[in-house]
Amino acid sequence: MARRPLPHSLTVGPFRAAEAAEAGISRRRLRADDVGHPHHGLYLPYAEDADLRSRCETFAQLLGPDRWFSHLTAARIWGIPLPTRWSASEPLHVIAIREAAPTRRPNVVGWETRRTDIDRTVLGLIPLIAPAEVWCQLAVPGATGTDAETGRKRNLSLPRLVAAADFLLTGPYVRRARLPLCTREDLQSALRCNRGARGTKALTIALELARAGAHSPKETALRLGLMACGLPEPDVQVPVMTASGLRHADLGYPDARVVLEYQGDHHRSDRKQWLDDLHRVQLMQDAGYHVIQVGAHDLVPDCSDLAARVRRALAGQYFRLESR
């Protein structure tokens, strides 16, 4: 059954339970996911199609001083790759800085820190913890939510922390170019400032494994998987000079002229992308490179079969190059 739309008087800003009752809106209707509940007796209207950014912009109007979106919420706003998708029922994570009391409100996970030097910024209308600090927060239990069945507080695993760092160092596409969200020095500085906090050991290892240039979490998983199988670490974004100009392979061993290309589902479902991929692979093969195409199935349960293919390719290419 379609839910009853809110009257216009309740869609222009925060309203109280008494105002909703006067307008004929039931308590049950106020529990729908298009209505926020930041304080006892106070409600916020969300647009029917409100995304996380819109909700944060609306909720930010009610945040007091020294309170900033953090942890899971900030990670989503920054675009950090996470194992779960956002849903309207997901609580907002807010951190209180200095002497401010942690935020305790419905559908809000409140955090607190005594660090006055924690890096923060305002993105549009949204007060946010800065990317490098958010990366450190993601290692803390509870940072990515709580398992509904077991009650276990979740955080990012080591491979996920590496993928998150890779993303921050590489950055999202902005006008056909990658714009890094922070530097390795930013991550190192944030890690030093958080020394002694839970998750520091995993963060230290993750930072050592992080590389700028990885374009997706799957590419990160592929790189880590090959290393776990005893192969040398492959380079990321390997330059390949072809007859049609410079191309870049996802991963590879340039000295042996062996490269790997990860083909995600969008490569298969987008016809233009599929044809472009075929052309790229052909160009690299014509340039004398052994191209190994990789899919999601090659990463499950591990990369052992794929690693064997890579070893054979490396041996064959080294033999071919030495025989010239």
C-alpha atoms as a PDB file:
ATOM      1  CA  MET A   1       0.000   0.000   0.000  1.00  0.00           C
ATOM      2  CA  ALA A   2       1.346   3.435  -0.944  1.00  0.00           C
ATOM      3  CA  ARG A   3       2.210   5.545   2.062  1.00  0.00           C
ATOM      4  CA  ARG A   4       0.395   8.781   2.652  1.00  0.00           C
ATOM      5  CA  PRO A   5       2.345  11.840   1.470  1.00  0.00           C
ATOM      6  CA  LEU A   6       3.229  14.415   4.086  1.00  0.00           C
ATOM      7  CA  PRO A   7       1.340  17.710   3.875  1.00  0.00           C
ATOM      8  CA  HIS A   8       3.328  20.633   2.471  1.00  0.00           C
ATOM      9  CA  SER A   9       3.569  22.288   5.898  1.00  0.00           C
ATOM     10  CA  LEU A  10       5.658  19.331   7.107  1.00  0.00           C
ATOM     11  CA  THR A  11       8.018  19.138   4.112  1.00  0.00           C
ATOM     12  CA  VAL A  12       9.778  22.493   4.426  1.00  0.00           C
ATOM     13  CA  GLY A  13      11.859  21.790   7.536  1.00  0.00           C
ATOM     14  CA  PRO A  14      11.964  20.145  10.960  1.00  0.00           C
ATOM     15  CA  PHE A  15       8.620  19.600  12.680  1.00  0.00           C
ATOM     16  CA  ARG A  16       7.424  18.300  16.046  1.00  0.00           C
ATOM     17  CA  ALA A  17       5.244  15.313  16.808  1.00  0.00           C
ATOM     18  CA  ALA A  18       2.420  17.618  17.909  1.00  0.00           C
ATOM     19  CA  GLU A  19       2.431  19.370  14.526  1.00  0.00           C
ATOM     20  CA  ALA A  20       2.258  16.009  12.748  1.00  0.00           C
ATOM     21  CA  ALA A  21      -0.669  14.949  14.936  1.00  0.00           C
ATOM     22  CA  GLU A  22      -2.507  18.192  14.153  1.00  0.00           C
ATOM     23  CA  ALA A  23      -2.011  17.471  10.444  1.00  0.00           C
ATOM     24  CA  GLY A  24      -3.471  13.984  10.868  1.00  0.00           C
ATOM     25  CA  ILE A  25      -0.159  12.128  10.469  1.00  0.00           C
ATOM     26  CA  SER A  26       0.059   8.960  12.561  1.00  0.00           C
ATOM     27  CA  ARG A  27       3.018   7.791  14.651  1.00  0.00           C
ATOM     28  CA  ARG A  28       3.344   4.811  12.310  1.00  0.00           C
ATOM     29  CA  ARG A  29       3.677   7.130   9.305  1.00  0.00           C
ATOM     30  CA  LEU A  30       6.482   8.987  11.102  1.00  0.00           C
ATOM     31  CA  ARG A  31       8.495   5.746  11.271  1.00  0.00           C
ATOM     32  CA  ALA A  32       8.763   5.528   7.459  1.00  0.00           C
ATOM     33  CA  ASP A  33      12.200   5.921   5.892  1.00  0.00           C
ATOM     34  CA  ASP A  34      11.364   9.311   4.344  1.00  0.00           C
ATOM     35  CA  VAL A  35      11.201  10.875   7.821  1.00  0.00           C
ATOM     36  CA  GLY A  36      14.254  11.394  10.017  1.00  0.00           C
ATOM     37  CA  HIS A  37      14.066  11.391  13.812  1.00  0.00           C
ATOM     38  CA  PRO A  38      17.110  13.328  15.083  1.00  0.00           C
ATOM     39  CA  HIS A  39      15.690  14.266  18.506  1.00  0.00           C
ATOM     40  CA  HIS A  40      12.959  13.007  20.790  1.00  0.00           C
ATOM     41  CA  GLY A  41       9.746  14.522  19.465  1.00  0.00           C
ATOM     42  CA  LEU A  42      11.472  16.198  16.498  1.00  0.00           C
ATOM     43  CA  TYR A  43      11.289  14.959  12.899  1.00  0.00           C
ATOM     44  CA  LEU A  44      12.927  15.807   9.578  1.00  0.00           C
ATOM     45  CA  PRO A  45      11.321  15.319   6.162  1.00  0.00           C
ATOM     46  CA  TYR A  46      13.427  13.644   3.487  1.00  0.00           C
ATOM     47  CA  ALA A  47      12.633  13.769  -0.200  1.00  0.00           C
ATOM     48  CA  GLU A  48      11.099  10.540  -1.519  1.00  0.00           C
ATOM     49  CA  ASP A  49      14.263   9.815  -3.480  1.00  0.00           C
ATOM     50  CA  ALA A  50      16.664  11.346  -0.946  1.00  0.00           C
ATOM     51  CA  ASP A  51      20.139   9.882  -1.184  1.00  0.00           C
ATOM     52  CA  LEU A  52      22.711   9.843   1.594  1.00  0.00           C
ATOM     53  CA  ARG A  53      24.139  13.233   0.649  1.00  0.00           C
ATOM     54  CA  SER A  54      20.684  14.846   0.799  1.00  0.00           C
ATOM     55  CA  ARG A  55      20.012  13.296   4.187  1.00  0.00           C
ATOM     56  CA  CYS A  56      23.323  14.506   5.552  1.00  0.00           C
ATOM     57  CA  GLU A  57      22.669  18.025   4.250  1.00  0.00           C
ATOM     58  CA  THR A  58      19.288  18.030   5.962  1.00  0.00           C
ATOM     59  CA  PHE A  59      20.545  16.499   9.201  1.00  0.00           C
ATOM     60  CA  ALA A  60      23.526  18.874   9.303  1.00  0.00           C
ATOM     61  CA  GLN A  61      21.107  21.710  10.069  1.00  0.00           C
ATOM     62  CA  LEU A  62      20.566  20.155  13.501  1.00  0.00           C
ATOM     63  CA  LEU A  63      24.162  19.256  14.335  1.00  0.00           C
ATOM     64  CA  GLY A  64      25.734  21.260  17.110  1.00  0.00           C
ATOM     65  CA  PRO A  65      29.272  22.679  17.036  1.00  0.00           C
ATOM     66  CA  ASP A  66      32.187  20.262  16.906  1.00  0.00           C
ATOM     67  CA  ARG A  67      30.086  17.461  15.447  1.00  0.00           C
ATOM     68  CA  TRP A  68      31.028  15.964  12.099  1.00  0.00           C
ATOM     69  CA  PHE A  69      29.918  13.057   9.940  1.00  0.00           C
ATOM     70  CA  SER A  70      32.446  10.255  10.327  1.00  0.00           C
ATOM     71  CA  HIS A  71      33.202   6.531   9.947  1.00  0.00           C
ATOM     72  CA  LEU A  72      30.766   4.714   7.614  1.00  0.00           C
ATOM     73  CA  THR A  73      28.781   7.833   6.668  1.00  0.00           C
ATOM     74  CA  ALA A  74      31.858   9.870   5.780  1.00  0.00           C
ATOM     75  CA  ALA A  75      33.348   6.922   3.889  1.00  0.00           C
ATOM     76  CA  ARG A  76      30.253   6.710   1.701  1.00  0.00           C
ATOM     77  CA  ILE A  77      30.247  10.453   1.037  1.00  0.00           C
ATOM     78  CA  TRP A  78      33.904  10.330  -0.014  1.00  0.00           C
ATOM     79  CA  GLY A  79      33.159   7.337  -2.269  1.00  0.00           C
ATOM     80  CA  ILE A  80      35.456   4.881  -0.481  1.00  0.00           C
ATOM     81  CA  PRO A  81      34.664   1.326  -1.687  1.00  0.00           C
ATOM     82  CA  LEU A  82      32.782  -0.633   0.975  1.00  0.00           C
ATOM     83  CA  PRO A  83      31.435  -4.206   1.166  1.00  0.00           C
ATOM     84  CA  THR A  84      27.799  -3.073   1.533  1.00  0.00           C
ATOM     85  CA  ARG A  85      25.539  -0.682  -0.335  1.00  0.00           C
ATOM     86  CA  TRP A  86      23.840   2.257   1.336  1.00  0.00           C
ATOM     87  CA  SER A  87      20.209   1.826   2.370  1.00  0.00           C
ATOM     88  CA  ALA A  88      17.737   4.373   3.694  1.00  0.00           C
ATOM     89  CA  SER A  89      17.589   2.543   7.038  1.00  0.00           C
ATOM     90  CA  GLU A  90      21.335   2.845   7.647  1.00  0.00           C
ATOM     91  CA  PRO A  91      22.126   5.061  10.656  1.00  0.00           C
ATOM     92  CA  LEU A  92      24.276   8.158  10.279  1.00  0.00           C
ATOM     93  CA  HIS A  93      27.671   8.158  11.999  1.00  0.00           C
ATOM     94  CA  VAL A  94      28.532  11.401  13.806  1.00  0.00           C
ATOM     95  CA  ILE A  95      31.641  12.137  15.867  1.00  0.00           C
ATOM     96  CA  ALA A  96      31.820  14.736  18.645  1.00  0.00           C
ATOM     97  CA  ILE A  97      35.136  16.533  19.109  1.00  0.00           C
ATOM     98  CA  ARG A  98      36.677  17.941  22.308  1.00  0.00           C
ATOM     99  CA  GLU A  99      34.313  18.254  25.243  1.00  0.00           C
ATOM    100  CA  ALA A 100      31.132  17.815  23.219  1.00  0.00           C
ATOM    101  CA  ALA A 101      29.048  14.863  24.370  1.00  0.00           C
ATOM    102  CA  PRO A 102      28.593  12.034  21.838  1.00  0.00           C
ATOM    103  CA  THR A 103      25.479  12.365  19.717  1.00  0.00           C
ATOM    104  CA  ARG A 104      22.703  10.165  21.079  1.00  0.00           C
ATOM    105  CA  ARG A 105      19.720  10.277  18.768  1.00  0.00           C
ATOM    106  CA  PRO A 106      17.511   7.765  16.979  1.00  0.00           C
ATOM    107  CA  ASN A 107      19.154   6.238  13.892  1.00  0.00           C
ATOM    108  CA  VAL A 108      22.499   7.871  14.720  1.00  0.00           C
ATOM    109  CA  VAL A 109      25.725   6.146  15.791  1.00  0.00           C
ATOM    110  CA  GLY A 110      27.519   8.582  18.072  1.00  0.00           C
ATOM    111  CA  TRP A 111      31.309   8.631  18.438  1.00  0.00           C
ATOM    112  CA  GLU A 112      33.625  10.892  20.398  1.00  0.00           C
ATOM    113  CA  THR A 113      37.286  11.907  20.305  1.00  0.00           C
ATOM    114  CA  ARG A 114      39.467  14.094  22.479  1.00  0.00           C
ATOM    115  CA  ARG A 115      41.716  14.875  19.523  1.00  0.00           C
ATOM    116  CA  THR A 116      41.398  18.529  18.632  1.00  0.00           C
ATOM    117  CA  ASP A 117      43.769  18.107  15.683  1.00  0.00           C
ATOM    118  CA  ILE A 118      41.605  15.621  13.783  1.00  0.00           C
ATOM    119  CA  ASP A 119      41.486  16.750  10.164  1.00  0.00           C
ATOM    120  CA  ARG A 120      38.028  17.803   8.989  1.00  0.00           C
ATOM    121  CA  THR A 121      36.389  19.811   6.251  1.00  0.00           C
ATOM    122  CA  VAL A 122      33.032  20.912   4.862  1.00  0.00           C
ATOM    123  CA  LEU A 123      31.976  19.385   1.547  1.00  0.00           C
ATOM    124  CA  GLY A 124      29.165  21.519   0.189  1.00  0.00           C
ATOM    125  CA  LEU A 125      26.850  21.711   3.197  1.00  0.00           C
ATOM    126  CA  ILE A 126      28.168  18.560   4.873  1.00  0.00           C
ATOM    127  CA  PRO A 127      30.672  18.724   7.775  1.00  0.00           C
ATOM    128  CA  LEU A 128      32.984  15.753   7.255  1.00  0.00           C
ATOM    129  CA  ILE A 129      36.032  14.104   8.728  1.00  0.00           C
ATOM    130  CA  ALA A 130      38.827  14.234   6.119  1.00  0.00           C
ATOM    131  CA  PRO A 131      39.557  11.151   3.955  1.00  0.00           C
ATOM    132  CA  ALA A 132      42.814  10.016   5.606  1.00  0.00           C
ATOM    133  CA  GLU A 133      41.257  10.183   9.081  1.00  0.00           C
ATOM    134  CA  VAL A 134      38.157   8.332   7.857  1.00  0.00           C
ATOM    135  CA  TRP A 135      40.403   5.562   6.541  1.00  0.00           C
ATOM    136  CA  CYS A 136      41.817   5.117  10.050  1.00  0.00           C
ATOM    137  CA  GLN A 137      38.310   5.117  11.526  1.00  0.00           C
ATOM    138  CA  LEU A 138      37.245   2.257   9.254  1.00  0.00           C
ATOM    139  CA  ALA A 139      39.549  -0.141  11.132  1.00  0.00           C
ATOM    140  CA  VAL A 140      37.703   0.431  14.423  1.00  0.00           C
ATOM    141  CA  PRO A 141      35.058  -2.169  15.419  1.00  0.00           C
ATOM    142  CA  GLY A 142      31.613  -0.748  14.744  1.00  0.00           C
ATOM    143  CA  ALA A 143      32.859   1.654  12.069  1.00  0.00           C
ATOM    144  CA  THR A 144      30.906  -0.107   9.320  1.00  0.00           C
ATOM    145  CA  GLY A 145      27.897  -1.079  11.409  1.00  0.00           C
ATOM    146  CA  THR A 146      26.717  -3.974  13.531  1.00  0.00           C
ATOM    147  CA  ASP A 147      25.713  -7.441  12.329  1.00  0.00           C
ATOM    148  CA  ALA A 148      21.965  -7.738  12.885  1.00  0.00           C
ATOM    149  CA  GLU A 149      22.112 -11.471  13.652  1.00  0.00           C
ATOM    150  CA  THR A 150      25.231 -11.788  15.796  1.00  0.00           C
ATOM    151  CA  GLY A 151      25.537  -8.282  17.187  1.00  0.00           C
ATOM    152  CA  ARG A 152      29.204  -8.248  16.147  1.00  0.00           C
ATOM    153  CA  LYS A 153      30.605  -4.795  15.508  1.00  0.00           C
ATOM    154  CA  ARG A 154      31.970  -4.683  11.973  1.00  0.00           C
ATOM    155  CA  ASN A 155      35.005  -2.957  10.536  1.00  0.00           C
ATOM    156  CA  LEU A 156      36.986  -3.277   7.322  1.00  0.00           C
ATOM    157  CA  SER A 157      39.187  -6.338   6.871  1.00  0.00           C
ATOM    158  CA  LEU A 158      42.845  -5.931   5.926  1.00  0.00           C
ATOM    159  CA  PRO A 159      42.243  -6.437   2.163  1.00  0.00           C
ATOM    160  CA  ARG A 160      39.384  -3.923   2.313  1.00  0.00           C
ATOM    161  CA  LEU A 161      41.597  -1.401   4.108  1.00  0.00           C
ATOM    162  CA  VAL A 162      44.162  -1.804   1.325  1.00  0.00           C
ATOM    163  CA  ALA A 163      41.443  -1.267  -1.299  1.00  0.00           C
ATOM    164  CA  ALA A 164      40.241   1.828   0.565  1.00  0.00           C
ATOM    165  CA  ALA A 165      43.775   3.245   0.694  1.00  0.00           C
ATOM    166  CA  ASP A 166      44.291   2.430  -2.998  1.00  0.00           C
ATOM    167  CA  PHE A 167      41.122   4.381  -3.804  1.00  0.00           C
ATOM    168  CA  LEU A 168      42.157   7.411  -1.753  1.00  0.00           C
ATOM    169  CA  LEU A 169      45.620   7.477  -3.345  1.00  0.00           C
ATOM    170  CA  THR A 170      44.203   7.012  -6.857  1.00  0.00           C
ATOM    171  CA  GLY A 171      41.006   9.022  -6.522  1.00  0.00           C
ATOM    172  CA  PRO A 172      37.701   9.057  -8.383  1.00  0.00           C
ATOM    173  CA  TYR A 173      37.276  10.152 -11.984  1.00  0.00           C
ATOM    174  CA  VAL A 174      36.749  13.914 -12.261  1.00  0.00           C
ATOM    175  CA  ARG A 175      36.401  15.199 -15.817  1.00  0.00           C
ATOM    176  CA  ARG A 176      38.162  12.181 -17.337  1.00  0.00           C
ATOM    177  CA  ALA A 177      41.070  12.297 -14.904  1.00  0.00           C
ATOM    178  CA  ARG A 178      41.767  10.705 -11.543  1.00  0.00           C
ATOM    179  CA  LEU A 179      41.814  13.139  -8.624  1.00  0.00           C
ATOM    180  CA  PRO A 180      43.522  11.656  -5.522  1.00  0.00           C
ATOM    181  CA  LEU A 181      41.700  12.402  -2.274  1.00  0.00           C
ATOM    182  CA  CYS A 182      44.886  12.311  -0.206  1.00  0.00           C
ATOM    183  CA  THR A 183      48.583  11.492  -0.369  1.00  0.00           C
ATOM    184  CA  ARG A 184      50.525   8.669   1.219  1.00  0.00           C
ATOM    185  CA  GLU A 185      51.957  11.273   3.600  1.00  0.00           C
ATOM    186  CA  ASP A 186      48.388  12.200   4.643  1.00  0.00           C
ATOM    187  CA  LEU A 187      47.658   8.556   5.465  1.00  0.00           C
ATOM    188  CA  GLN A 188      50.931   8.208   7.359  1.00  0.00           C
ATOM    189  CA  SER A 189      50.197  11.366   9.352  1.00  0.00           C
ATOM    190  CA  ALA A 190      46.675  10.221  10.223  1.00  0.00           C
ATOM    191  CA  LEU A 191      48.038   6.829  11.259  1.00  0.00           C
ATOM    192  CA  ARG A 192      50.614   8.455  13.540  1.00  0.00           C
ATOM    193  CA  CYS A 193      47.912  10.595  15.152  1.00  0.00           C
ATOM    194  CA  ASN A 194      45.809   7.475  15.766  1.00  0.00           C
ATOM    195  CA  ARG A 195      48.663   5.365  17.132  1.00  0.00           C
ATOM    196  CA  GLY A 196      47.417   3.238  20.001  1.00  0.00           C
ATOM    197  CA  ALA A 197      43.843   3.145  18.737  1.00  0.00           C
ATOM    198  CA  ARG A 198      42.197  -0.153  17.824  1.00  0.00           C
ATOM    199  CA  GLY A 199      43.039  -1.317  14.312  1.00  0.00           C
ATOM    200  CA  THR A 200      46.432   0.406  14.137  1.00  0.00           C
ATOM    201  CA  LYS A 201      48.308  -2.821  13.321  1.00  0.00           C
ATOM    202  CA  ALA A 202      46.021  -3.619  10.379  1.00  0.00           C
ATOM    203  CA  LEU A 203      46.283  -0.030   9.135  1.00  0.00           C
ATOM    204  CA  THR A 204      50.086  -0.144   9.252  1.00  0.00           C
ATOM    205  CA  ILE A 205      50.156  -3.313   7.137  1.00  0.00           C
ATOM    206  CA  ALA A 206      47.499  -1.949   4.773  1.00  0.00           C
ATOM    207  CA  LEU A 207      49.454   1.238   4.154  1.00  0.00           C
ATOM    208  CA  GLU A 208      52.566  -0.772   3.262  1.00  0.00           C
ATOM    209  CA  LEU A 209      50.507  -2.705   0.690  1.00  0.00           C
ATOM    210  CA  ALA A 210      48.608   0.292  -0.726  1.00  0.00           C
ATOM    211  CA  ARG A 211      49.432   1.485  -4.236  1.00  0.00           C
ATOM    212  CA  ALA A 212      48.292   4.487  -6.226  1.00  0.00           C
ATOM    213  CA  GLY A 213      46.849   3.514  -9.599  1.00  0.00           C
ATOM    214  CA  ALA A 214      44.504   0.662  -8.685  1.00  0.00           C
ATOM    215  CA  HIS A 215      41.189   1.503 -10.327  1.00  0.00           C
ATOM    216  CA  SER A 216      38.886  -0.873  -8.447  1.00  0.00           C
ATOM    217  CA  PRO A 217      38.698  -3.060  -5.329  1.00  0.00           C
ATOM    218  CA  LYS A 218      38.824  -6.112  -7.599  1.00  0.00           C
ATOM    219  CA  GLU A 219      42.158  -4.989  -9.023  1.00  0.00           C
ATOM    220  CA  THR A 220      43.417  -4.604  -5.461  1.00  0.00           C
ATOM    221  CA  ALA A 221      42.136  -8.077  -4.562  1.00  0.00           C
ATOM    222  CA  LEU A 222      43.828  -9.485  -7.671  1.00  0.00           C
ATOM    223  CA  ARG A 223      47.165  -7.904  -6.774  1.00  0.00           C
ATOM    224  CA  LEU A 224      47.012  -9.119  -3.175  1.00  0.00           C
ATOM    225  CA  GLY A 225      45.830 -12.570  -4.265  1.00  0.00           C
ATOM    226  CA  LEU A 226      48.781 -13.102  -6.598  1.00  0.00           C
ATOM    227  CA  MET A 227      51.195 -12.008  -3.882  1.00  0.00           C
ATOM    228  CA  ALA A 228      49.541 -14.373  -1.385  1.00  0.00           C
ATOM    229  CA  CYS A 229      50.266 -17.209  -3.835  1.00  0.00           C
ATOM    230  CA  GLY A 230      53.970 -16.388  -3.790  1.00  0.00           C
ATOM    231  CA  LEU A 231      54.237 -14.370  -6.987  1.00  0.00           C
ATOM    232  CA  PRO A 232      56.196 -11.112  -7.107  1.00  0.00           C
ATOM    233  CA  GLU A 233      54.065  -8.015  -6.666  1.00  0.00           C
ATOM    234  CA  PRO A 234      52.742  -6.941 -10.069  1.00  0.00           C
ATOM    235  CA  ASP A 235      52.977  -3.318 -11.168  1.00  0.00           C
ATOM    236  CA  VAL A 236      49.747  -1.348 -11.434  1.00  0.00           C
ATOM    237  CA  GLN A 237      48.698   0.500 -14.586  1.00  0.00           C
ATOM    238  CA  VAL A 238      51.480  -0.960 -16.719  1.00  0.00           C
ATOM    239  CA  PRO A 239      52.239   1.266 -19.745  1.00  0.00           C
ATOM    240  CA  VAL A 240      52.144  -0.601 -23.064  1.00  0.00           C
ATOM    241  CA  MET A 241      53.169   1.138 -26.279  1.00  0.00           C
ATOM    242  CA  THR A 242      50.965  -0.153 -29.100  1.00  0.00           C
ATOM    243  CA  ALA A 243      50.491   0.636 -32.767  1.00  0.00           C
ATOM    244  CA  SER A 244      47.666   2.987 -31.750  1.00  0.00           C
ATOM    245  CA  GLY A 245      49.556   4.748 -28.990  1.00  0.00           C
ATOM    246  CA  LEU A 246      50.064   4.262 -25.283  1.00  0.00           C
ATOM    247  CA  ARG A 247      47.704   1.957 -23.405  1.00  0.00           C
ATOM    248  CA  HIS A 248      47.722   0.876 -19.751  1.00  0.00           C
ATOM    249  CA  ALA A 249      47.098  -2.642 -18.477  1.00  0.00           C
ATOM    250  CA  ASP A 250      45.542  -3.095 -15.036  1.00  0.00           C
ATOM    251  CA  LEU A 251      48.439  -5.131 -13.631  1.00  0.00           C
ATOM    252  CA  GLY A 252      51.512  -6.819 -14.961  1.00  0.00           C
ATOM    253  CA  TYR A 253      55.171  -7.697 -15.090  1.00  0.00           C
ATOM    254  CA  PRO A 254      56.615  -5.334 -17.709  1.00  0.00           C
ATOM    255  CA  ASP A 255      60.061  -6.956 -17.853  1.00  0.00           C
ATOM    256  CA  ALA A 256      58.448 -10.233 -18.945  1.00  0.00           C
ATOM    257  CA  ARG A 257      55.781  -8.507 -21.059  1.00  0.00           C
ATOM    258  CA  VAL A 258      52.989 -10.254 -19.142  1.00  0.00           C
ATOM    259  CA  VAL A 259      49.947  -8.171 -18.214  1.00  0.00           C
ATOM    260  CA  LEU A 260      46.580  -8.855 -16.594  1.00  0.00           C
ATOM    261  CA  GLU A 261      43.266  -7.221 -17.436  1.00  0.00           C
ATOM    262  CA  TYR A 262      40.363  -7.516 -14.978  1.00  0.00           C
ATOM    263  CA  GLN A 263      37.023  -7.740 -16.788  1.00  0.00           C
ATOM    264  CA  GLY A 264      34.125  -6.802 -14.508  1.00  0.00           C
ATOM    265  CA  ASP A 265      30.449  -7.320 -15.274  1.00  0.00           C
ATOM    266  CA  HIS A 266      30.123  -3.865 -16.809  1.00  0.00           C
ATOM    267  CA  HIS A 267      32.738  -4.852 -19.398  1.00  0.00           C
ATOM    268  CA  ARG A 268      30.411  -7.656 -20.486  1.00  0.00           C
ATOM    269  CA  SER A 269      27.067  -5.819 -20.317  1.00  0.00           C
ATOM    270  CA  ASP A 270      28.204  -2.620 -22.055  1.00  0.00           C
ATOM    271  CA  ARG A 271      28.692  -3.424 -25.750  1.00  0.00           C
ATOM    272  CA  LYS A 272      30.931  -0.419 -26.446  1.00  0.00           C
ATOM    273  CA  GLN A 273      33.090  -1.255 -23.420  1.00  0.00           C
ATOM    274  CA  TRP A 274      33.288  -4.880 -24.540  1.00  0.00           C
ATOM    275  CA  LEU A 275      34.426  -3.905 -28.052  1.00  0.00           C
ATOM    276  CA  ASP A 276      36.942  -1.415 -26.645  1.00  0.00           C
ATOM    277  CA  ASP A 277      38.343  -4.145 -24.384  1.00  0.00           C
ATOM    278  CA  LEU A 278      38.734  -6.552 -27.298  1.00  0.00           C
ATOM    279  CA  HIS A 279      40.570  -3.885 -29.269  1.00  0.00           C
ATOM    280  CA  ARG A 280      42.854  -3.037 -26.325  1.00  0.00           C
ATOM    281  CA  VAL A 281      43.756  -6.676 -25.772  1.00  0.00           C
ATOM    282  CA  GLN A 282      44.498  -7.176 -29.468  1.00  0.00           C
ATOM    283  CA  LEU A 283      46.714  -4.089 -29.553  1.00  0.00           C
ATOM    284  CA  MET A 284      48.725  -5.271 -26.550  1.00  0.00           C
ATOM    285  CA  GLN A 285      49.075  -8.778 -27.979  1.00  0.00           C
ATOM    286  CA  ASP A 286      50.275  -7.340 -31.283  1.00  0.00           C
ATOM    287  CA  ALA A 287      52.856  -5.352 -29.298  1.00  0.00           C
ATOM    288  CA  GLY A 288      54.306  -8.637 -28.005  1.00  0.00           C
ATOM    289  CA  TYR A 289      52.579  -8.847 -24.631  1.00  0.00           C
ATOM    290  CA  HIS A 290      50.994 -11.953 -23.143  1.00  0.00           C
ATOM    291  CA  VAL A 291      47.584 -10.738 -21.944  1.00  0.00           C
ATOM    292  CA  ILE A 292      45.748 -12.695 -19.230  1.00  0.00           C
ATOM    293  CA  GLN A 293      42.099 -11.736 -18.911  1.00  0.00           C
ATOM    294  CA  VAL A 294      40.696 -12.175 -15.413  1.00  0.00           C
ATOM    295  CA  GLY A 295      37.128 -12.410 -14.100  1.00  0.00           C
ATOM    296  CA  ALA A 296      35.561 -12.538 -10.651  1.00  0.00           C
ATOM    297  CA  HIS A 297      35.609 -16.353 -10.720  1.00  0.00           C
ATOM    298  CA  ASP A 298      39.425 -16.279 -10.807  1.00  0.00           C
ATOM    299  CA  LEU A 299      39.496 -14.733  -7.325  1.00  0.00           C
ATOM    300  CA  VAL A 300      37.257 -17.319  -5.611  1.00  0.00           C
ATOM    301  CA  PRO A 301      38.078 -19.047  -3.335  1.00  0.00           C
ATOM    302  CA  ASP A 302      41.631 -17.836  -3.992  1.00  0.00           C
ATOM    303  CA  CYS A 303      43.982 -17.037  -6.856  1.00  0.00           C
ATOM    304  CA  SER A 304      45.879 -20.344  -6.911  1.00  0.00           C
ATOM    305  CA  ASP A 305      44.698 -21.461 -10.377  1.00  0.00           C
ATOM    306  CA  LEU A 306      45.241 -17.993 -11.790  1.00  0.00           C
ATOM    307  CA  ALA A 307      48.677 -17.801 -10.176  1.00  0.00           C
ATOM    308  CA  ALA A 308      49.646 -21.026 -11.949  1.00  0.00           C
ATOM    309  CA  ARG A 309      48.600 -19.471 -15.283  1.00  0.00           C
ATOM    310  CA  VAL A 310      50.667 -16.386 -14.521  1.00  0.00           C
ATOM    311  CA  ARG A 311      53.714 -18.502 -13.634  1.00  0.00           C
ATOM    312  CA  ARG A 312      53.443 -20.397 -16.920  1.00  0.00           C
ATOM    313  CA  ALA A 313      53.084 -17.147 -18.829  1.00  0.00           C
ATOM    314  CA  LEU A 314      56.108 -15.615 -17.103  1.00  0.00           C
ATOM    315  CA  ALA A 315      58.236 -18.689 -17.805  1.00  0.00           C
ATOM    316  CA  GLY A 316      57.169 -18.767 -21.443  1.00  0.00           C
ATOM    317  CA  GLN A 317      57.734 -15.067 -21.995  1.00  0.00           C
ATOM    318  CA  TYR A 318      61.150 -15.045 -20.320  1.00  0.00           C
ATOM    319  CA  PHE A 319      62.163 -18.051 -22.479  1.00  0.00           C
ATOM    320  CA  ARG A 320      60.885 -16.327 -25.621  1.00  0.00           C
ATOM    321  CA  LEU A 321      62.656 -13.060 -24.809  1.00  0.00           C
ATOM    322  CA  GLU A 322      65.950 -14.816 -23.988  1.00  0.00           C
ATOM    323  CA  SER A 323      65.777 -16.809 -27.242  1.00  0.00           C
ATOM    324  CA  ARG A 324      65.644 -13.740 -29.429  1.00  0.00           C
END
